[in-house]
Amino acid sequence: MLEVKDYSKQELADAIYANNIKPESRLHKLWREISGCPELVEDLRRLHSHTGDSGYTAQMVERIKYHLCID
């Protein structure tokens, strides 16, 4: 189960894909999944804060979990 909290982009990718993708491919896969869901992209744009370009806030993680159907 993915905890809803602030994550760096790499930390989130590692948490989601830890068991099934090589570490060097995880961030790219997360980016592809997010960019493939226009509703999620829009949600993340609305929630974006300029203070954390290298990461995701807890609110953003909640939307990612919802749109990508992650527990």
C-alpha atoms as a PDB file:
ATOM      1  CA  MET A   1       0.000   0.000   0.000  1.00  0.00           C
ATOM      2  CA  LEU A   2       1.356   3.396  -1.011  1.00  0.00           C
ATOM      3  CA  GLU A   3       1.428   5.892   1.845  1.00  0.00           C
ATOM      4  CA  VAL A   4       0.019   9.322   1.034  1.00  0.00           C
ATOM      5  CA  LYS A   5       2.814  11.764   1.863  1.00  0.00           C
ATOM      6  CA  ASP A   6       5.284  14.021   0.079  1.00  0.00           C
ATOM      7  CA  TYR A   7       7.743  12.155  -2.184  1.00  0.00           C
ATOM      8  CA  SER A   8      10.577  13.080  -4.482  1.00  0.00           C
ATOM      9  CA  LYS A   9       9.841  11.898  -8.012  1.00  0.00           C
ATOM     10  CA  GLN A  10      12.382   9.080  -7.713  1.00  0.00           C
ATOM     11  CA  GLU A  11      11.075   7.994  -4.287  1.00  0.00           C
ATOM     12  CA  LEU A  12       7.537   7.748  -5.631  1.00  0.00           C
ATOM     13  CA  ALA A  13       8.626   5.767  -8.684  1.00  0.00           C
ATOM     14  CA  ASP A  14      10.642   3.430  -6.451  1.00  0.00           C
ATOM     15  CA  ALA A  15       7.688   2.953  -4.091  1.00  0.00           C
ATOM     16  CA  ILE A  16       5.242   2.159  -6.898  1.00  0.00           C
ATOM     17  CA  TYR A  17       7.445  -0.083  -9.049  1.00  0.00           C
ATOM     18  CA  ALA A  18       9.873  -1.538  -6.481  1.00  0.00           C
ATOM     19  CA  ASN A  19       9.208  -5.188  -7.284  1.00  0.00           C
ATOM     20  CA  ASN A  20       8.770  -5.338 -11.020  1.00  0.00           C
ATOM     21  CA  ILE A  21      10.969  -2.826 -12.845  1.00  0.00           C
ATOM     22  CA  LYS A  22      14.703  -2.152 -12.891  1.00  0.00           C
ATOM     23  CA  PRO A  23      15.575   0.878 -10.739  1.00  0.00           C
ATOM     24  CA  GLU A  24      16.856   2.893 -13.693  1.00  0.00           C
ATOM     25  CA  SER A  25      13.514   2.457 -15.528  1.00  0.00           C
ATOM     26  CA  ARG A  26      11.094   3.324 -12.717  1.00  0.00           C
ATOM     27  CA  LEU A  27      11.026   7.099 -13.065  1.00  0.00           C
ATOM     28  CA  HIS A  28      10.531   6.904 -16.826  1.00  0.00           C
ATOM     29  CA  LYS A  29       7.628   4.451 -16.393  1.00  0.00           C
ATOM     30  CA  LEU A  30       5.957   6.726 -13.849  1.00  0.00           C
ATOM     31  CA  TRP A  31       6.305   9.685 -16.222  1.00  0.00           C
ATOM     32  CA  ARG A  32       4.786   7.647 -19.099  1.00  0.00           C
ATOM     33  CA  GLU A  33       1.826   6.532 -16.983  1.00  0.00           C
ATOM     34  CA  ILE A  34       1.132  10.040 -15.715  1.00  0.00           C
ATOM     35  CA  SER A  35       1.451  11.638 -19.156  1.00  0.00           C
ATOM     36  CA  GLY A  36      -0.850   8.965 -20.605  1.00  0.00           C
ATOM     37  CA  CYS A  37      -3.732  10.064 -18.374  1.00  0.00           C
ATOM     38  CA  PRO A  38      -4.937  13.564 -19.371  1.00  0.00           C
ATOM     39  CA  GLU A  39      -7.211  13.865 -16.322  1.00  0.00           C
ATOM     40  CA  LEU A  40      -4.278  13.158 -14.015  1.00  0.00           C
ATOM     41  CA  VAL A  41      -2.062  15.633 -15.846  1.00  0.00           C
ATOM     42  CA  GLU A  42      -4.748  18.292 -15.363  1.00  0.00           C
ATOM     43  CA  ASP A  43      -5.169  17.446 -11.664  1.00  0.00           C
ATOM     44  CA  LEU A  44      -1.414  17.696 -11.128  1.00  0.00           C
ATOM     45  CA  ARG A  45      -1.288  21.032 -12.947  1.00  0.00           C
ATOM     46  CA  ARG A  46      -4.004  22.382 -10.668  1.00  0.00           C
ATOM     47  CA  LEU A  47      -2.168  21.190  -7.556  1.00  0.00           C
ATOM     48  CA  HIS A  48       1.320  22.156  -8.693  1.00  0.00           C
ATOM     49  CA  SER A  49       3.306  24.400  -6.406  1.00  0.00           C
ATOM     50  CA  HIS A  50       6.486  26.037  -7.601  1.00  0.00           C
ATOM     51  CA  THR A  51       8.274  25.033  -4.410  1.00  0.00           C
ATOM     52  CA  GLY A  52       8.550  21.351  -5.271  1.00  0.00           C
ATOM     53  CA  ASP A  53       9.403  20.742  -8.911  1.00  0.00           C
ATOM     54  CA  SER A  54      11.489  17.722  -7.925  1.00  0.00           C
ATOM     55  CA  GLY A  55       8.683  16.026  -6.053  1.00  0.00           C
ATOM     56  CA  TYR A  56       5.019  15.404  -5.405  1.00  0.00           C
ATOM     57  CA  THR A  57       2.955  16.722  -2.501  1.00  0.00           C
ATOM     58  CA  ALA A  58       0.652  14.427  -0.533  1.00  0.00           C
ATOM     59  CA  GLN A  59      -2.325  15.855  -2.475  1.00  0.00           C
ATOM     60  CA  MET A  60      -0.624  15.036  -5.768  1.00  0.00           C
ATOM     61  CA  VAL A  61       0.163  11.502  -4.577  1.00  0.00           C
ATOM     62  CA  GLU A  62      -3.497  11.042  -3.664  1.00  0.00           C
ATOM     63  CA  ARG A  63      -4.528  11.983  -7.238  1.00  0.00           C
ATOM     64  CA  ILE A  64      -1.847   9.729  -8.737  1.00  0.00           C
ATOM     65  CA  LYS A  65      -3.095   6.817  -6.630  1.00  0.00           C
ATOM     66  CA  TYR A  66      -6.673   7.480  -7.729  1.00  0.00           C
ATOM     67  CA  HIS A  67      -6.027   7.820 -11.449  1.00  0.00           C
ATOM     68  CA  LEU A  68      -3.488   4.980 -11.714  1.00  0.00           C
ATOM     69  CA  CYS A  69      -5.573   2.699  -9.447  1.00  0.00           C
ATOM     70  CA  ILE A  70      -2.805   2.151  -6.916  1.00  0.00           C
ATOM     71  CA  ASP A  71      -3.560   0.929  -3.413  1.00  0.00           C
END
